[in-house]
Amino acid sequence: MRQKVAALRLQEKYKAFAPRHIADTNMGFDRGVQYLKESLAMFRKLQQAVRFLSQSGRLMVGVPDYDNYVAQMAINQPGEPVMSYEAFFRERQEARFGRGKCNTRCC
């Protein structure tokens, strides 16, 4: 009896999050939960795609990726100190645009 009451409570809890067509039909509680899990998985994949595209866009316009730098430093040179974000950004800007010499990259 307790299990049935607990199942009904869970069903009511998840019913609020389920889309209307799932909550109003007689699909059953298990199918509704499965639908929610599939929706969450799809949302996570969409988040990963957005993260990847935003990182690609930043790299295309020349904004460096500090998180990637920190991960590479931890893997390749674990004993070396890691630059702060400000120092890393300044160093990347100087490497890209030069130190006041020639801005056209001709020399």
N, C-alpha and C. Protein backbone atom coordinates (compact mmCIF):
# COMPACT_ATOMS: atom_id res chain seq x y z
N MET A 1 0.82 -1.19 0.00
CA MET A 1 0.00 0.00 0.00
C MET A 1 0.87 1.26 0.00
N ARG A 2 1.96 1.22 0.78
CA ARG A 2 2.85 2.38 0.84
C ARG A 2 3.50 2.64 -0.52
N GLN A 3 3.85 1.56 -1.21
CA GLN A 3 4.48 1.71 -2.52
C GLN A 3 3.52 2.37 -3.50
N LYS A 4 2.26 1.99 -3.42
CA LYS A 4 1.27 2.56 -4.32
C LYS A 4 1.07 4.05 -4.03
N VAL A 5 1.06 4.40 -2.76
CA VAL A 5 0.92 5.82 -2.38
C VAL A 5 2.14 6.61 -2.85
N ALA A 6 3.32 6.02 -2.67
CA ALA A 6 4.55 6.70 -3.11
C ALA A 6 4.55 6.86 -4.63
N ALA A 7 4.10 5.85 -5.34
CA ALA A 7 4.05 5.92 -6.80
C ALA A 7 3.06 7.00 -7.25
N LEU A 8 1.93 7.10 -6.56
CA LEU A 8 0.95 8.13 -6.91
C LEU A 8 1.50 9.53 -6.64
N ARG A 9 2.26 9.68 -5.55
CA ARG A 9 2.87 10.98 -5.26
C ARG A 9 3.89 11.37 -6.32
N LEU A 10 4.71 10.40 -6.72
CA LEU A 10 5.68 10.66 -7.79
C LEU A 10 4.97 11.01 -9.08
N GLN A 11 3.89 10.29 -9.35
CA GLN A 11 3.16 10.55 -10.58
C GLN A 11 2.61 11.97 -10.58
N GLU A 12 2.07 12.42 -9.47
CA GLU A 12 1.55 13.78 -9.39
C GLU A 12 2.67 14.81 -9.48
N LYS A 13 3.83 14.46 -8.90
CA LYS A 13 4.98 15.37 -8.94
C LYS A 13 5.45 15.57 -10.38
N TYR A 14 5.61 14.49 -11.11
CA TYR A 14 6.11 14.58 -12.48
C TYR A 14 5.04 15.03 -13.46
N LYS A 15 3.79 14.91 -13.11
CA LYS A 15 2.71 15.32 -13.99
C LYS A 15 2.77 16.82 -14.25
N ALA A 16 3.23 17.57 -13.27
CA ALA A 16 3.34 19.02 -13.43
C ALA A 16 4.41 19.39 -14.45
N PHE A 17 5.44 18.55 -14.60
CA PHE A 17 6.53 18.85 -15.52
C PHE A 17 6.29 18.29 -16.92
N ALA A 18 5.38 17.36 -17.03
CA ALA A 18 5.13 16.71 -18.32
C ALA A 18 4.35 17.64 -19.23
N PRO A 19 4.62 17.57 -20.53
CA PRO A 19 3.82 18.35 -21.47
C PRO A 19 2.35 17.94 -21.38
N ARG A 20 1.46 18.81 -21.79
CA ARG A 20 0.03 18.59 -21.65
C ARG A 20 -0.43 17.31 -22.33
N HIS A 21 0.11 17.01 -23.52
CA HIS A 21 -0.36 15.81 -24.22
C HIS A 21 0.07 14.52 -23.50
N ILE A 22 1.12 14.58 -22.68
CA ILE A 22 1.53 13.40 -21.91
C ILE A 22 0.69 13.32 -20.64
N ALA A 23 0.46 14.44 -19.98
CA ALA A 23 -0.27 14.44 -18.72
C ALA A 23 -1.74 14.08 -18.91
N ASP A 24 -2.34 14.44 -20.05
CA ASP A 24 -3.76 14.22 -20.25
C ASP A 24 -4.10 12.86 -20.83
N THR A 25 -3.15 12.16 -21.38
CA THR A 25 -3.45 10.87 -21.99
C THR A 25 -3.25 9.75 -20.98
N ASN A 26 -3.63 8.58 -21.38
CA ASN A 26 -3.49 7.40 -20.53
C ASN A 26 -2.23 6.62 -20.90
N MET A 27 -1.14 7.31 -21.15
CA MET A 27 0.10 6.64 -21.52
C MET A 27 0.71 5.89 -20.36
N GLY A 28 0.48 6.35 -19.18
CA GLY A 28 1.05 5.71 -18.02
C GLY A 28 2.20 6.52 -17.47
N PHE A 29 2.44 6.31 -16.21
CA PHE A 29 3.47 7.06 -15.50
C PHE A 29 4.85 6.75 -16.03
N ASP A 30 5.15 5.47 -16.28
CA ASP A 30 6.49 5.10 -16.73
C ASP A 30 6.83 5.72 -18.08
N ARG A 31 5.88 5.76 -18.98
CA ARG A 31 6.12 6.36 -20.29
C ARG A 31 6.36 7.87 -20.15
N GLY A 32 5.64 8.51 -19.24
CA GLY A 32 5.84 9.93 -19.02
C GLY A 32 7.22 10.24 -18.47
N VAL A 33 7.68 9.41 -17.54
CA VAL A 33 9.03 9.60 -16.98
C VAL A 33 10.08 9.35 -18.05
N GLN A 34 9.86 8.33 -18.87
CA GLN A 34 10.80 8.05 -19.95
C GLN A 34 10.85 9.21 -20.94
N TYR A 35 9.70 9.78 -21.23
CA TYR A 35 9.64 10.94 -22.12
C TYR A 35 10.43 12.11 -21.54
N LEU A 36 10.31 12.34 -20.24
CA LEU A 36 11.06 13.43 -19.59
C LEU A 36 12.56 13.18 -19.65
N LYS A 37 12.98 11.93 -19.43
CA LYS A 37 14.41 11.61 -19.50
C LYS A 37 14.95 11.82 -20.90
N GLU A 38 14.18 11.41 -21.91
CA GLU A 38 14.61 11.61 -23.30
C GLU A 38 14.70 13.10 -23.62
N SER A 39 13.75 13.88 -23.10
CA SER A 39 13.78 15.32 -23.34
C SER A 39 15.01 15.95 -22.69
N LEU A 40 15.35 15.52 -21.48
CA LEU A 40 16.54 16.04 -20.80
C LEU A 40 17.80 15.68 -21.57
N ALA A 41 17.88 14.45 -22.07
CA ALA A 41 19.05 14.03 -22.84
C ALA A 41 19.19 14.88 -24.10
N MET A 42 18.09 15.14 -24.77
CA MET A 42 18.12 15.95 -25.97
C MET A 42 18.54 17.38 -25.63
N PHE A 43 18.05 17.91 -24.52
CA PHE A 43 18.41 19.26 -24.10
C PHE A 43 19.90 19.35 -23.79
N ARG A 44 20.47 18.32 -23.15
CA ARG A 44 21.91 18.32 -22.87
C ARG A 44 22.74 18.29 -24.14
N LYS A 45 22.30 17.51 -25.13
CA LYS A 45 23.00 17.47 -26.41
C LYS A 45 22.94 18.83 -27.10
N LEU A 46 21.80 19.49 -26.99
CA LEU A 46 21.65 20.81 -27.57
C LEU A 46 22.57 21.80 -26.88
N GLN A 47 22.70 21.71 -25.56
CA GLN A 47 23.61 22.58 -24.82
C GLN A 47 25.05 22.36 -25.27
N GLN A 48 25.45 21.09 -25.46
CA GLN A 48 26.80 20.80 -25.92
C GLN A 48 27.05 21.39 -27.30
N ALA A 49 26.06 21.28 -28.18
CA ALA A 49 26.21 21.83 -29.53
C ALA A 49 26.37 23.34 -29.48
N VAL A 50 25.58 24.01 -28.64
CA VAL A 50 25.68 25.46 -28.51
C VAL A 50 27.04 25.85 -27.95
N ARG A 51 27.52 25.11 -26.94
CA ARG A 51 28.84 25.39 -26.38
C ARG A 51 29.93 25.25 -27.43
N PHE A 52 29.84 24.17 -28.22
CA PHE A 52 30.83 23.93 -29.26
C PHE A 52 30.80 25.04 -30.31
N LEU A 53 29.61 25.43 -30.75
CA LEU A 53 29.50 26.47 -31.76
C LEU A 53 29.96 27.83 -31.24
N SER A 54 29.66 28.13 -29.98
CA SER A 54 30.11 29.41 -29.44
C SER A 54 31.63 29.43 -29.29
N GLN A 55 32.21 28.30 -28.87
CA GLN A 55 33.67 28.23 -28.77
C GLN A 55 34.30 28.38 -30.15
N SER A 56 33.72 27.73 -31.16
CA SER A 56 34.25 27.84 -32.52
C SER A 56 34.16 29.27 -33.02
N GLY A 57 33.04 29.92 -32.75
CA GLY A 57 32.88 31.32 -33.17
C GLY A 57 33.89 32.23 -32.51
N ARG A 58 34.13 32.02 -31.21
CA ARG A 58 35.12 32.85 -30.51
C ARG A 58 36.52 32.65 -31.09
N LEU A 59 36.85 31.40 -31.39
CA LEU A 59 38.18 31.13 -31.95
C LEU A 59 38.32 31.72 -33.35
N MET A 60 37.21 31.77 -34.10
CA MET A 60 37.27 32.35 -35.45
C MET A 60 37.56 33.85 -35.42
N VAL A 61 37.04 34.54 -34.42
CA VAL A 61 37.27 35.98 -34.36
C VAL A 61 38.48 36.33 -33.51
N GLY A 62 39.15 35.33 -32.95
CA GLY A 62 40.42 35.57 -32.27
C GLY A 62 40.36 35.67 -30.77
N VAL A 63 39.25 35.31 -30.15
CA VAL A 63 39.18 35.32 -28.69
C VAL A 63 39.75 33.99 -28.18
N PRO A 64 40.80 34.02 -27.38
CA PRO A 64 41.43 32.78 -26.93
C PRO A 64 40.56 32.00 -25.94
N ASP A 65 40.82 30.70 -25.83
CA ASP A 65 40.05 29.82 -24.96
C ASP A 65 40.87 29.50 -23.71
N TYR A 66 40.57 30.20 -22.62
CA TYR A 66 41.33 30.05 -21.38
C TYR A 66 41.13 28.67 -20.75
N ASP A 67 39.91 28.13 -20.78
CA ASP A 67 39.65 26.81 -20.19
C ASP A 67 40.48 25.73 -20.87
N ASN A 68 40.62 25.82 -22.19
CA ASN A 68 41.43 24.86 -22.92
C ASN A 68 42.91 25.00 -22.53
N TYR A 69 43.36 26.23 -22.35
CA TYR A 69 44.74 26.48 -21.93
C TYR A 69 45.02 25.85 -20.56
N VAL A 70 44.10 26.03 -19.61
CA VAL A 70 44.28 25.48 -18.27
C VAL A 70 44.32 23.96 -18.31
N ALA A 71 43.43 23.36 -19.12
CA ALA A 71 43.42 21.89 -19.23
C ALA A 71 44.71 21.38 -19.85
N GLN A 72 45.20 22.06 -20.89
CA GLN A 72 46.44 21.63 -21.53
C GLN A 72 47.64 21.79 -20.61
N MET A 73 47.66 22.85 -19.82
CA MET A 73 48.75 23.04 -18.87
C MET A 73 48.74 21.94 -17.80
N ALA A 74 47.57 21.56 -17.35
CA ALA A 74 47.48 20.50 -16.34
C ALA A 74 47.94 19.16 -16.89
N ILE A 75 47.69 18.91 -18.17
CA ILE A 75 48.08 17.63 -18.78
C ILE A 75 49.55 17.63 -19.16
N ASN A 76 49.99 18.66 -19.88
CA ASN A 76 51.34 18.66 -20.45
C ASN A 76 52.43 19.14 -19.50
N GLN A 77 52.13 20.13 -18.65
CA GLN A 77 53.13 20.69 -17.75
C GLN A 77 52.52 20.87 -16.37
N PRO A 78 52.36 19.77 -15.63
CA PRO A 78 51.65 19.85 -14.34
C PRO A 78 52.38 20.66 -13.27
N GLY A 79 53.69 20.81 -13.35
CA GLY A 79 54.43 21.55 -12.33
C GLY A 79 54.50 23.04 -12.58
N GLU A 80 54.20 23.47 -13.79
CA GLU A 80 54.31 24.88 -14.16
C GLU A 80 53.13 25.69 -13.61
N PRO A 81 53.38 26.95 -13.24
CA PRO A 81 52.26 27.79 -12.79
C PRO A 81 51.38 28.19 -13.98
N VAL A 82 50.09 28.34 -13.72
CA VAL A 82 49.13 28.71 -14.76
C VAL A 82 48.89 30.21 -14.69
N MET A 83 48.89 30.87 -15.83
CA MET A 83 48.65 32.31 -15.88
C MET A 83 47.21 32.63 -15.49
N SER A 84 47.00 33.80 -14.95
CA SER A 84 45.64 34.25 -14.68
C SER A 84 44.96 34.55 -16.01
N TYR A 85 43.64 34.70 -15.98
CA TYR A 85 42.92 34.97 -17.22
C TYR A 85 43.38 36.29 -17.86
N GLU A 86 43.60 37.30 -17.03
CA GLU A 86 44.03 38.59 -17.55
C GLU A 86 45.40 38.50 -18.21
N ALA A 87 46.34 37.81 -17.55
CA ALA A 87 47.69 37.66 -18.11
C ALA A 87 47.64 36.82 -19.39
N PHE A 88 46.83 35.77 -19.39
CA PHE A 88 46.68 34.92 -20.58
C PHE A 88 46.11 35.72 -21.74
N PHE A 89 45.07 36.51 -21.49
CA PHE A 89 44.45 37.30 -22.55
C PHE A 89 45.42 38.33 -23.10
N ARG A 90 46.16 39.00 -22.22
CA ARG A 90 47.14 39.99 -22.65
C ARG A 90 48.23 39.34 -23.50
N GLU A 91 48.72 38.18 -23.07
CA GLU A 91 49.77 37.48 -23.81
C GLU A 91 49.28 37.05 -25.19
N ARG A 92 48.04 36.57 -25.28
CA ARG A 92 47.46 36.15 -26.57
C ARG A 92 47.26 37.35 -27.50
N GLN A 93 46.85 38.50 -26.93
CA GLN A 93 46.68 39.71 -27.74
C GLN A 93 48.02 40.18 -28.29
N GLU A 94 49.05 40.15 -27.45
CA GLU A 94 50.38 40.56 -27.92
C GLU A 94 50.90 39.59 -28.96
N ALA A 95 50.67 38.32 -28.81
CA ALA A 95 51.13 37.34 -29.79
C ALA A 95 50.40 37.51 -31.13
N ARG A 96 49.14 37.90 -31.06
CA ARG A 96 48.38 38.03 -32.29
C ARG A 96 48.65 39.34 -33.01
N PHE A 97 48.67 40.44 -32.27
CA PHE A 97 48.77 41.76 -32.90
C PHE A 97 50.16 42.37 -32.81
N GLY A 98 51.10 41.72 -32.17
CA GLY A 98 52.45 42.26 -32.05
C GLY A 98 52.58 43.19 -30.87
N ARG A 99 53.79 43.55 -30.60
CA ARG A 99 54.07 44.41 -29.45
C ARG A 99 54.36 45.83 -29.92
N GLY A 100 53.45 46.38 -30.71
CA GLY A 100 53.63 47.75 -31.17
C GLY A 100 54.48 47.88 -32.40
N LYS A 101 54.89 46.78 -33.00
CA LYS A 101 55.73 46.85 -34.20
C LYS A 101 54.83 47.03 -35.43
N CYS A 102 54.69 46.00 -36.17
CA CYS A 102 53.94 46.04 -37.42
C CYS A 102 52.60 45.34 -37.23
N ASN A 103 51.51 46.05 -37.43
CA ASN A 103 50.18 45.47 -37.24
C ASN A 103 49.64 44.73 -38.44
N THR A 104 50.33 44.79 -39.57
CA THR A 104 49.82 44.14 -40.77
C THR A 104 50.37 42.74 -40.95
N ARG A 105 51.21 42.30 -40.04
CA ARG A 105 51.86 40.99 -40.12
C ARG A 105 52.71 40.82 -41.39
N CYS A 106 53.20 41.91 -41.87
CA CYS A 106 54.00 41.82 -43.09
C CYS A 106 55.45 41.46 -42.79
N CYS A 107 55.87 41.68 -41.56
CA CYS A 107 57.27 41.41 -41.24
C CYS A 107 57.40 40.63 -39.95
